[in-house]
Amino acid sequence: KCHGLHAFIVPLRQLGTHEPLPGITI
């Protein structure tokens, strides 16, 4: 079931290297 918009804290880049994480296109 869809419960509408909610907010999520999402890591995007590897800490240290700043490379995009697998599954992330940025």
mmCIF file of all heavy atoms, coordinates in Angstrom:
data_MODEL
# 
_entry.id   MODEL 
# 
loop_
_atom_site.group_PDB 
_atom_site.id 
_atom_site.type_symbol 
_atom_site.label_atom_id 
_atom_site.label_alt_id 
_atom_site.label_comp_id 
_atom_site.label_asym_id 
_atom_site.label_entity_id 
_atom_site.label_seq_id 
_atom_site.pdbx_PDB_ins_code 
_atom_site.Cartn_x 
_atom_site.Cartn_y 
_atom_site.Cartn_z 
_atom_site.occupancy 
_atom_site.B_iso_or_equiv 
_atom_site.pdbx_formal_charge 
_atom_site.auth_seq_id 
_atom_site.auth_comp_id 
_atom_site.auth_asym_id 
_atom_site.auth_atom_id 
_atom_site.pdbx_PDB_model_num 
ATOM 1   N N   . LYS A 1 1  ? 0.843  -1.190 0.000   1.00 0.00 ? 1  LYS A N   1 
ATOM 2   C CA  . LYS A 1 1  ? 0.000  0.000  0.000   1.00 0.00 ? 1  LYS A CA  1 
ATOM 3   C C   . LYS A 1 1  ? 0.882  1.245  0.000   1.00 0.00 ? 1  LYS A C   1 
ATOM 4   O O   . LYS A 1 1  ? 1.909  1.288  0.678   1.00 0.00 ? 1  LYS A O   1 
ATOM 5   C CB  . LYS A 1 1  ? -0.921 0.009  1.222   1.00 0.00 ? 1  LYS A CB  1 
ATOM 6   C CG  . LYS A 1 1  ? -1.898 1.181  1.245   1.00 0.00 ? 1  LYS A CG  1 
ATOM 7   C CD  . LYS A 1 1  ? -2.824 1.114  2.448   1.00 0.00 ? 1  LYS A CD  1 
ATOM 8   C CE  . LYS A 1 1  ? -3.784 2.296  2.475   1.00 0.00 ? 1  LYS A CE  1 
ATOM 9   N NZ  . LYS A 1 1  ? -4.675 2.260  3.665   1.00 0.00 ? 1  LYS A NZ  1 
ATOM 10  N N   . CYS A 1 2  ? 0.448  2.271  -0.772  1.00 0.00 ? 2  CYS A N   1 
ATOM 11  C CA  . CYS A 1 2  ? 1.170  3.534  -0.801  1.00 0.00 ? 2  CYS A CA  1 
ATOM 12  C C   . CYS A 1 2  ? 0.620  4.457  0.278   1.00 0.00 ? 2  CYS A C   1 
ATOM 13  O O   . CYS A 1 2  ? -0.602 4.657  0.372   1.00 0.00 ? 2  CYS A O   1 
ATOM 14  C CB  . CYS A 1 2  ? 1.040  4.201  -2.174  1.00 0.00 ? 2  CYS A CB  1 
ATOM 15  S SG  . CYS A 1 2  ? 1.909  5.788  -2.296  1.00 0.00 ? 2  CYS A SG  1 
ATOM 16  N N   . HIS A 1 3  ? 1.503  5.026  1.062   1.00 0.00 ? 3  HIS A N   1 
ATOM 17  C CA  . HIS A 1 3  ? 1.103  5.923  2.148   1.00 0.00 ? 3  HIS A CA  1 
ATOM 18  C C   . HIS A 1 3  ? 1.526  7.365  1.895   1.00 0.00 ? 3  HIS A C   1 
ATOM 19  O O   . HIS A 1 3  ? 1.562  8.173  2.823   1.00 0.00 ? 3  HIS A O   1 
ATOM 20  C CB  . HIS A 1 3  ? 1.679  5.429  3.464   1.00 0.00 ? 3  HIS A CB  1 
ATOM 21  C CG  . HIS A 1 3  ? 1.147  4.100  3.899   1.00 0.00 ? 3  HIS A CG  1 
ATOM 22  N ND1 . HIS A 1 3  ? -0.080 3.937  4.517   1.00 0.00 ? 3  HIS A ND1 1 
ATOM 23  C CD2 . HIS A 1 3  ? 1.667  2.840  3.759   1.00 0.00 ? 3  HIS A CD2 1 
ATOM 24  C CE1 . HIS A 1 3  ? -0.293 2.660  4.774   1.00 0.00 ? 3  HIS A CE1 1 
ATOM 25  N NE2 . HIS A 1 3  ? 0.748  1.965  4.316   1.00 0.00 ? 3  HIS A NE2 1 
ATOM 26  N N   . GLY A 1 4  ? 1.847  7.682  0.650   1.00 0.00 ? 4  GLY A N   1 
ATOM 27  C CA  . GLY A 1 4  ? 2.169  9.061  0.310   1.00 0.00 ? 4  GLY A CA  1 
ATOM 28  C C   . GLY A 1 4  ? 3.616  9.422  0.603   1.00 0.00 ? 4  GLY A C   1 
ATOM 29  O O   . GLY A 1 4  ? 4.448  8.577  0.934   1.00 0.00 ? 4  GLY A O   1 
ATOM 30  N N   . LEU A 1 5  ? 3.908  10.721 0.474   1.00 0.00 ? 5  LEU A N   1 
ATOM 31  C CA  . LEU A 1 5  ? 5.282  11.196 0.598   1.00 0.00 ? 5  LEU A CA  1 
ATOM 32  C C   . LEU A 1 5  ? 5.785  11.139 2.034   1.00 0.00 ? 5  LEU A C   1 
ATOM 33  O O   . LEU A 1 5  ? 5.087  11.544 2.967   1.00 0.00 ? 5  LEU A O   1 
ATOM 34  C CB  . LEU A 1 5  ? 5.384  12.640 0.103   1.00 0.00 ? 5  LEU A CB  1 
ATOM 35  C CG  . LEU A 1 5  ? 5.477  12.876 -1.401  1.00 0.00 ? 5  LEU A CG  1 
ATOM 36  C CD1 . LEU A 1 5  ? 5.675  14.351 -1.662  1.00 0.00 ? 5  LEU A CD1 1 
ATOM 37  C CD2 . LEU A 1 5  ? 6.583  12.069 -2.031  1.00 0.00 ? 5  LEU A CD2 1 
ATOM 38  N N   . HIS A 1 6  ? 7.011  10.665 2.174   1.00 0.00 ? 6  HIS A N   1 
ATOM 39  C CA  . HIS A 1 6  ? 7.702  10.682 3.451   1.00 0.00 ? 6  HIS A CA  1 
ATOM 40  C C   . HIS A 1 6  ? 9.170  11.001 3.199   1.00 0.00 ? 6  HIS A C   1 
ATOM 41  O O   . HIS A 1 6  ? 9.663  10.876 2.069   1.00 0.00 ? 6  HIS A O   1 
ATOM 42  C CB  . HIS A 1 6  ? 7.548  9.348  4.186   1.00 0.00 ? 6  HIS A CB  1 
ATOM 43  C CG  . HIS A 1 6  ? 6.166  9.122  4.701   1.00 0.00 ? 6  HIS A CG  1 
ATOM 44  N ND1 . HIS A 1 6  ? 5.107  8.810  3.867   1.00 0.00 ? 6  HIS A ND1 1 
ATOM 45  C CD2 . HIS A 1 6  ? 5.652  9.192  5.955   1.00 0.00 ? 6  HIS A CD2 1 
ATOM 46  C CE1 . HIS A 1 6  ? 4.004  8.686  4.600   1.00 0.00 ? 6  HIS A CE1 1 
ATOM 47  N NE2 . HIS A 1 6  ? 4.308  8.917  5.868   1.00 0.00 ? 6  HIS A NE2 1 
ATOM 48  N N   . ALA A 1 7  ? 9.865  11.406 4.251   1.00 0.00 ? 7  ALA A N   1 
ATOM 49  C CA  . ALA A 1 7  ? 11.258 11.833 4.122   1.00 0.00 ? 7  ALA A CA  1 
ATOM 50  C C   . ALA A 1 7  ? 12.201 10.747 4.622   1.00 0.00 ? 7  ALA A C   1 
ATOM 51  O O   . ALA A 1 7  ? 11.944 10.099 5.646   1.00 0.00 ? 7  ALA A O   1 
ATOM 52  C CB  . ALA A 1 7  ? 11.476 13.130 4.902   1.00 0.00 ? 7  ALA A CB  1 
ATOM 53  N N   . PHE A 1 8  ? 13.305 10.569 3.890   1.00 0.00 ? 8  PHE A N   1 
ATOM 54  C CA  . PHE A 1 8  ? 14.290 9.540  4.211   1.00 0.00 ? 8  PHE A CA  1 
ATOM 55  C C   . PHE A 1 8  ? 15.694 10.150 4.168   1.00 0.00 ? 8  PHE A C   1 
ATOM 56  O O   . PHE A 1 8  ? 15.996 10.975 3.303   1.00 0.00 ? 8  PHE A O   1 
ATOM 57  C CB  . PHE A 1 8  ? 14.212 8.391  3.208   1.00 0.00 ? 8  PHE A CB  1 
ATOM 58  C CG  . PHE A 1 8  ? 12.869 7.718  3.159   1.00 0.00 ? 8  PHE A CG  1 
ATOM 59  C CD1 . PHE A 1 8  ? 11.849 8.243  2.368   1.00 0.00 ? 8  PHE A CD1 1 
ATOM 60  C CD2 . PHE A 1 8  ? 12.605 6.597  3.912   1.00 0.00 ? 8  PHE A CD2 1 
ATOM 61  C CE1 . PHE A 1 8  ? 10.592 7.637  2.317   1.00 0.00 ? 8  PHE A CE1 1 
ATOM 62  C CE2 . PHE A 1 8  ? 11.350 5.988  3.876   1.00 0.00 ? 8  PHE A CE2 1 
ATOM 63  C CZ  . PHE A 1 8  ? 10.341 6.513  3.083   1.00 0.00 ? 8  PHE A CZ  1 
ATOM 64  N N   . ILE A 1 9  ? 16.550 9.722  5.105   1.00 0.00 ? 9  ILE A N   1 
ATOM 65  C CA  . ILE A 1 9  ? 17.946 10.160 5.117   1.00 0.00 ? 9  ILE A CA  1 
ATOM 66  C C   . ILE A 1 9  ? 18.737 9.168  4.259   1.00 0.00 ? 9  ILE A C   1 
ATOM 67  O O   . ILE A 1 9  ? 18.830 7.983  4.596   1.00 0.00 ? 9  ILE A O   1 
ATOM 68  C CB  . ILE A 1 9  ? 18.507 10.196 6.545   1.00 0.00 ? 9  ILE A CB  1 
ATOM 69  C CG1 . ILE A 1 9  ? 17.626 11.072 7.443   1.00 0.00 ? 9  ILE A CG1 1 
ATOM 70  C CG2 . ILE A 1 9  ? 19.938 10.718 6.544   1.00 0.00 ? 9  ILE A CG2 1 
ATOM 71  C CD1 . ILE A 1 9  ? 18.009 11.028 8.905   1.00 0.00 ? 9  ILE A CD1 1 
ATOM 72  N N   . VAL A 1 10 ? 19.288 9.663  3.167   1.00 0.00 ? 10 VAL A N   1 
ATOM 73  C CA  . VAL A 1 10 ? 19.901 8.774  2.174   1.00 0.00 ? 10 VAL A CA  1 
ATOM 74  C C   . VAL A 1 10 ? 21.371 9.142  1.975   1.00 0.00 ? 10 VAL A C   1 
ATOM 75  O O   . VAL A 1 10 ? 21.675 10.275 1.578   1.00 0.00 ? 10 VAL A O   1 
ATOM 76  C CB  . VAL A 1 10 ? 19.157 8.870  0.828   1.00 0.00 ? 10 VAL A CB  1 
ATOM 77  C CG1 . VAL A 1 10 ? 19.780 7.933  -0.205  1.00 0.00 ? 10 VAL A CG1 1 
ATOM 78  C CG2 . VAL A 1 10 ? 17.670 8.558  1.009   1.00 0.00 ? 10 VAL A CG2 1 
ATOM 79  N N   . PRO A 1 11 ? 22.299 8.197  2.220   1.00 0.00 ? 11 PRO A N   1 
ATOM 80  C CA  . PRO A 1 11 ? 23.705 8.448  1.875   1.00 0.00 ? 11 PRO A CA  1 
ATOM 81  C C   . PRO A 1 11 ? 23.876 8.390  0.353   1.00 0.00 ? 11 PRO A C   1 
ATOM 82  O O   . PRO A 1 11 ? 23.255 7.570  -0.319  1.00 0.00 ? 11 PRO A O   1 
ATOM 83  C CB  . PRO A 1 11 ? 24.455 7.307  2.556   1.00 0.00 ? 11 PRO A CB  1 
ATOM 84  C CG  . PRO A 1 11 ? 23.439 6.209  2.664   1.00 0.00 ? 11 PRO A CG  1 
ATOM 85  C CD  . PRO A 1 11 ? 22.102 6.877  2.831   1.00 0.00 ? 11 PRO A CD  1 
ATOM 86  N N   . LEU A 1 12 ? 24.702 9.284  -0.181  1.00 0.00 ? 12 LEU A N   1 
ATOM 87  C CA  . LEU A 1 12 ? 24.866 9.385  -1.629  1.00 0.00 ? 12 LEU A CA  1 
ATOM 88  C C   . LEU A 1 12 ? 26.276 9.044  -2.089  1.00 0.00 ? 12 LEU A C   1 
ATOM 89  O O   . LEU A 1 12 ? 26.449 8.425  -3.145  1.00 0.00 ? 12 LEU A O   1 
ATOM 90  C CB  . LEU A 1 12 ? 24.541 10.818 -2.088  1.00 0.00 ? 12 LEU A CB  1 
ATOM 91  C CG  . LEU A 1 12 ? 23.184 11.385 -1.692  1.00 0.00 ? 12 LEU A CG  1 
ATOM 92  C CD1 . LEU A 1 12 ? 23.094 12.849 -2.110  1.00 0.00 ? 12 LEU A CD1 1 
ATOM 93  C CD2 . LEU A 1 12 ? 22.056 10.575 -2.320  1.00 0.00 ? 12 LEU A CD2 1 
ATOM 94  N N   . ARG A 1 13 ? 27.250 9.489  -1.320  1.00 0.00 ? 13 ARG A N   1 
ATOM 95  C CA  . ARG A 1 13 ? 28.642 9.318  -1.719  1.00 0.00 ? 13 ARG A CA  1 
ATOM 96  C C   . ARG A 1 13 ? 29.430 8.686  -0.575  1.00 0.00 ? 13 ARG A C   1 
ATOM 97  O O   . ARG A 1 13 ? 29.112 8.901  0.611   1.00 0.00 ? 13 ARG A O   1 
ATOM 98  C CB  . ARG A 1 13 ? 29.259 10.671 -2.110  1.00 0.00 ? 13 ARG A CB  1 
ATOM 99  C CG  . ARG A 1 13 ? 28.653 11.274 -3.381  1.00 0.00 ? 13 ARG A CG  1 
ATOM 100 C CD  . ARG A 1 13 ? 29.317 12.612 -3.702  1.00 0.00 ? 13 ARG A CD  1 
ATOM 101 N NE  . ARG A 1 13 ? 29.015 13.104 -5.047  1.00 0.00 ? 13 ARG A NE  1 
ATOM 102 C CZ  . ARG A 1 13 ? 28.108 14.051 -5.324  1.00 0.00 ? 13 ARG A CZ  1 
ATOM 103 N NH1 . ARG A 1 13 ? 27.409 14.590 -4.338  1.00 0.00 ? 13 ARG A NH1 1 
ATOM 104 N NH2 . ARG A 1 13 ? 27.905 14.434 -6.570  1.00 0.00 ? 13 ARG A NH2 1 
ATOM 105 N N   . GLN A 1 14 ? 30.461 7.939  -0.945  1.00 0.00 ? 14 GLN A N   1 
ATOM 106 C CA  . GLN A 1 14 ? 31.292 7.270  0.044   1.00 0.00 ? 14 GLN A CA  1 
ATOM 107 C C   . GLN A 1 14 ? 32.072 8.296  0.857   1.00 0.00 ? 14 GLN A C   1 
ATOM 108 O O   . GLN A 1 14 ? 32.749 9.173  0.301   1.00 0.00 ? 14 GLN A O   1 
ATOM 109 C CB  . GLN A 1 14 ? 32.274 6.342  -0.666  1.00 0.00 ? 14 GLN A CB  1 
ATOM 110 C CG  . GLN A 1 14 ? 33.122 5.500  0.261   1.00 0.00 ? 14 GLN A CG  1 
ATOM 111 C CD  . GLN A 1 14 ? 32.302 4.462  1.014   1.00 0.00 ? 14 GLN A CD  1 
ATOM 112 O OE1 . GLN A 1 14 ? 31.475 3.768  0.427   1.00 0.00 ? 14 GLN A OE1 1 
ATOM 113 N NE2 . GLN A 1 14 ? 32.510 4.362  2.316   1.00 0.00 ? 14 GLN A NE2 1 
ATOM 114 N N   . LEU A 1 15 ? 31.952 8.218  2.183   1.00 0.00 ? 15 LEU A N   1 
ATOM 115 C CA  . LEU A 1 15 ? 32.739 9.102  3.025   1.00 0.00 ? 15 LEU A CA  1 
ATOM 116 C C   . LEU A 1 15 ? 34.222 8.775  2.844   1.00 0.00 ? 15 LEU A C   1 
ATOM 117 O O   . LEU A 1 15 ? 34.623 7.617  2.834   1.00 0.00 ? 15 LEU A O   1 
ATOM 118 C CB  . LEU A 1 15 ? 32.338 8.943  4.499   1.00 0.00 ? 15 LEU A CB  1 
ATOM 119 C CG  . LEU A 1 15 ? 30.891 9.297  4.857   1.00 0.00 ? 15 LEU A CG  1 
ATOM 120 C CD1 . LEU A 1 15 ? 30.657 9.134  6.354   1.00 0.00 ? 15 LEU A CD1 1 
ATOM 121 C CD2 . LEU A 1 15 ? 30.547 10.702 4.422   1.00 0.00 ? 15 LEU A CD2 1 
ATOM 122 N N   . GLY A 1 16 ? 35.018 9.787  2.679   1.00 0.00 ? 16 GLY A N   1 
ATOM 123 C CA  . GLY A 1 16 ? 36.438 9.583  2.459   1.00 0.00 ? 16 GLY A CA  1 
ATOM 124 C C   . GLY A 1 16 ? 36.826 9.763  1.011   1.00 0.00 ? 16 GLY A C   1 
ATOM 125 O O   . GLY A 1 16 ? 37.665 10.597 0.677   1.00 0.00 ? 16 GLY A O   1 
ATOM 126 N N   . THR A 1 17 ? 36.176 8.997  0.116   1.00 0.00 ? 17 THR A N   1 
ATOM 127 C CA  . THR A 1 17 ? 36.504 9.108  -1.316  1.00 0.00 ? 17 THR A CA  1 
ATOM 128 C C   . THR A 1 17 ? 35.549 10.031 -2.059  1.00 0.00 ? 17 THR A C   1 
ATOM 129 O O   . THR A 1 17 ? 35.878 10.526 -3.127  1.00 0.00 ? 17 THR A O   1 
ATOM 130 C CB  . THR A 1 17 ? 36.474 7.730  -1.985  1.00 0.00 ? 17 THR A CB  1 
ATOM 131 O OG1 . THR A 1 17 ? 35.112 7.235  -2.000  1.00 0.00 ? 17 THR A OG1 1 
ATOM 132 C CG2 . THR A 1 17 ? 37.372 6.747  -1.243  1.00 0.00 ? 17 THR A CG2 1 
ATOM 133 N N   . HIS A 1 18 ? 34.351 10.215 -1.528  1.00 0.00 ? 18 HIS A N   1 
ATOM 134 C CA  . HIS A 1 18 ? 33.305 11.044 -2.150  1.00 0.00 ? 18 HIS A CA  1 
ATOM 135 C C   . HIS A 1 18 ? 32.805 10.442 -3.467  1.00 0.00 ? 18 HIS A C   1 
ATOM 136 O O   . HIS A 1 18 ? 32.151 11.120 -4.268  1.00 0.00 ? 18 HIS A O   1 
ATOM 137 C CB  . HIS A 1 18 ? 33.800 12.476 -2.382  1.00 0.00 ? 18 HIS A CB  1 
ATOM 138 C CG  . HIS A 1 18 ? 32.699 13.515 -2.339  1.00 0.00 ? 18 HIS A CG  1 
ATOM 139 N ND1 . HIS A 1 18 ? 31.915 13.720 -1.229  1.00 0.00 ? 18 HIS A ND1 1 
ATOM 140 C CD2 . HIS A 1 18 ? 32.261 14.399 -3.273  1.00 0.00 ? 18 HIS A CD2 1 
ATOM 141 C CE1 . HIS A 1 18 ? 31.053 14.686 -1.461  1.00 0.00 ? 18 HIS A CE1 1 
ATOM 142 N NE2 . HIS A 1 18 ? 31.231 15.109 -2.709  1.00 0.00 ? 18 HIS A NE2 1 
ATOM 143 N N   . GLU A 1 19 ? 33.091 9.165  -3.693  1.00 0.00 ? 19 GLU A N   1 
ATOM 144 C CA  . GLU A 1 19 ? 32.598 8.494  -4.898  1.00 0.00 ? 19 GLU A CA  1 
ATOM 145 C C   . GLU A 1 19 ? 31.123 8.136  -4.707  1.00 0.00 ? 19 GLU A C   1 
ATOM 146 O O   . GLU A 1 19 ? 30.698 7.760  -3.606  1.00 0.00 ? 19 GLU A O   1 
ATOM 147 C CB  . GLU A 1 19 ? 33.403 7.227  -5.171  1.00 0.00 ? 19 GLU A CB  1 
ATOM 148 C CG  . GLU A 1 19 ? 34.844 7.471  -5.589  1.00 0.00 ? 19 GLU A CG  1 
ATOM 149 C CD  . GLU A 1 19 ? 34.926 8.171  -6.927  1.00 0.00 ? 19 GLU A CD  1 
ATOM 150 O OE1 . GLU A 1 19 ? 34.137 7.835  -7.826  1.00 0.00 ? 19 GLU A OE1 1 
ATOM 151 O OE2 . GLU A 1 19 ? 35.779 9.074  -7.071  1.00 0.00 ? 19 GLU A OE2 1 
ATOM 152 N N   . PRO A 1 20 ? 30.290 8.214  -5.786  1.00 0.00 ? 20 PRO A N   1 
ATOM 153 C CA  . PRO A 1 20 ? 28.885 7.811  -5.663  1.00 0.00 ? 20 PRO A CA  1 
ATOM 154 C C   . PRO A 1 20 ? 28.768 6.358  -5.221  1.00 0.00 ? 20 PRO A C   1 
ATOM 155 O O   . PRO A 1 20 ? 29.539 5.490  -5.670  1.00 0.00 ? 20 PRO A O   1 
ATOM 156 C CB  . PRO A 1 20 ? 28.339 8.003  -7.081  1.00 0.00 ? 20 PRO A CB  1 
ATOM 157 C CG  . PRO A 1 20 ? 29.248 9.008  -7.710  1.00 0.00 ? 20 PRO A CG  1 
ATOM 158 C CD  . PRO A 1 20 ? 30.603 8.749  -7.130  1.00 0.00 ? 20 PRO A CD  1 
ATOM 159 N N   . LEU A 1 21 ? 27.841 6.088  -4.331  1.00 0.00 ? 21 LEU A N   1 
ATOM 160 C CA  . LEU A 1 21 ? 27.611 4.730  -3.858  1.00 0.00 ? 21 LEU A CA  1 
ATOM 161 C C   . LEU A 1 21 ? 26.964 3.885  -4.953  1.00 0.00 ? 21 LEU A C   1 
ATOM 162 O O   . LEU A 1 21 ? 26.278 4.425  -5.843  1.00 0.00 ? 21 LEU A O   1 
ATOM 163 C CB  . LEU A 1 21 ? 26.728 4.762  -2.613  1.00 0.00 ? 21 LEU A CB  1 
ATOM 164 C CG  . LEU A 1 21 ? 27.347 5.434  -1.379  1.00 0.00 ? 21 LEU A CG  1 
ATOM 165 C CD1 . LEU A 1 21 ? 26.298 5.664  -0.298  1.00 0.00 ? 21 LEU A CD1 1 
ATOM 166 C CD2 . LEU A 1 21 ? 28.494 4.591  -0.833  1.00 0.00 ? 21 LEU A CD2 1 
ATOM 167 N N   . PRO A 1 22 ? 27.137 2.566  -4.924  1.00 0.00 ? 22 PRO A N   1 
ATOM 168 C CA  . PRO A 1 22 ? 26.493 1.699  -5.920  1.00 0.00 ? 22 PRO A CA  1 
ATOM 169 C C   . PRO A 1 22 ? 24.972 1.885  -5.898  1.00 0.00 ? 22 PRO A C   1 
ATOM 170 O O   . PRO A 1 22 ? 24.355 1.893  -4.828  1.00 0.00 ? 22 PRO A O   1 
ATOM 171 C CB  . PRO A 1 22 ? 26.888 0.290  -5.467  1.00 0.00 ? 22 PRO A CB  1 
ATOM 172 C CG  . PRO A 1 22 ? 28.150 0.491  -4.691  1.00 0.00 ? 22 PRO A CG  1 
ATOM 173 C CD  . PRO A 1 22 ? 28.002 1.811  -4.003  1.00 0.00 ? 22 PRO A CD  1 
ATOM 174 N N   . GLY A 1 23 ? 24.385 2.068  -7.065  1.00 0.00 ? 23 GLY A N   1 
ATOM 175 C CA  . GLY A 1 23 ? 22.954 2.320  -7.164  1.00 0.00 ? 23 GLY A CA  1 
ATOM 176 C C   . GLY A 1 23 ? 22.595 3.790  -7.211  1.00 0.00 ? 23 GLY A C   1 
ATOM 177 O O   . GLY A 1 23 ? 21.429 4.140  -7.389  1.00 0.00 ? 23 GLY A O   1 
ATOM 178 N N   . ILE A 1 24 ? 23.589 4.637  -7.050  1.00 0.00 ? 24 ILE A N   1 
ATOM 179 C CA  . ILE A 1 24 ? 23.390 6.092  -7.065  1.00 0.00 ? 24 ILE A CA  1 
ATOM 180 C C   . ILE A 1 24 ? 24.022 6.681  -8.327  1.00 0.00 ? 24 ILE A C   1 
ATOM 181 O O   . ILE A 1 24 ? 25.209 6.492  -8.583  1.00 0.00 ? 24 ILE A O   1 
ATOM 182 C CB  . ILE A 1 24 ? 24.010 6.760  -5.825  1.00 0.00 ? 24 ILE A CB  1 
ATOM 183 C CG1 . ILE A 1 24 ? 23.322 6.297  -4.542  1.00 0.00 ? 24 ILE A CG1 1 
ATOM 184 C CG2 . ILE A 1 24 ? 23.955 8.284  -5.946  1.00 0.00 ? 24 ILE A CG2 1 
ATOM 185 C CD1 . ILE A 1 24 ? 21.896 6.762  -4.381  1.00 0.00 ? 24 ILE A CD1 1 
ATOM 186 N N   . THR A 1 25 ? 23.214 7.384  -9.104  1.00 0.00 ? 25 THR A N   1 
ATOM 187 C CA  . THR A 1 25 ? 23.710 8.157  -10.250 1.00 0.00 ? 25 THR A CA  1 
ATOM 188 C C   . THR A 1 25 ? 23.473 9.618  -9.924  1.00 0.00 ? 25 THR A C   1 
ATOM 189 O O   . THR A 1 25 ? 22.343 10.028 -9.655  1.00 0.00 ? 25 THR A O   1 
ATOM 190 C CB  . THR A 1 25 ? 22.971 7.783  -11.545 1.00 0.00 ? 25 THR A CB  1 
ATOM 191 O OG1 . THR A 1 25 ? 23.111 6.374  -11.771 1.00 0.00 ? 25 THR A OG1 1 
ATOM 192 C CG2 . THR A 1 25 ? 23.534 8.545  -12.737 1.00 0.00 ? 25 THR A CG2 1 
ATOM 193 N N   . ILE A 1 26 ? 24.537 10.399 -9.943  1.00 0.00 ? 26 ILE A N   1 
ATOM 194 C CA  . ILE A 1 26 ? 24.444 11.757 -9.398  1.00 0.00 ? 26 ILE A CA  1 
ATOM 195 C C   . ILE A 1 26 ? 25.342 12.689 -10.191 1.00 0.00 ? 26 ILE A C   1 
ATOM 196 O O   . ILE A 1 26 ? 26.368 12.281 -10.736 1.00 0.00 ? 26 ILE A O   1 
ATOM 197 C CB  . ILE A 1 26 ? 24.845 11.735 -7.899  1.00 0.00 ? 26 ILE A CB  1 
ATOM 198 C CG1 . ILE A 1 26 ? 24.461 13.019 -7.175  1.00 0.00 ? 26 ILE A CG1 1 
ATOM 199 C CG2 . ILE A 1 26 ? 26.322 11.424 -7.729  1.00 0.00 ? 26 ILE A CG2 1 
ATOM 200 C CD1 . ILE A 1 26 ? 24.594 12.909 -5.661  1.00 0.00 ? 26 ILE A CD1 1 
# 
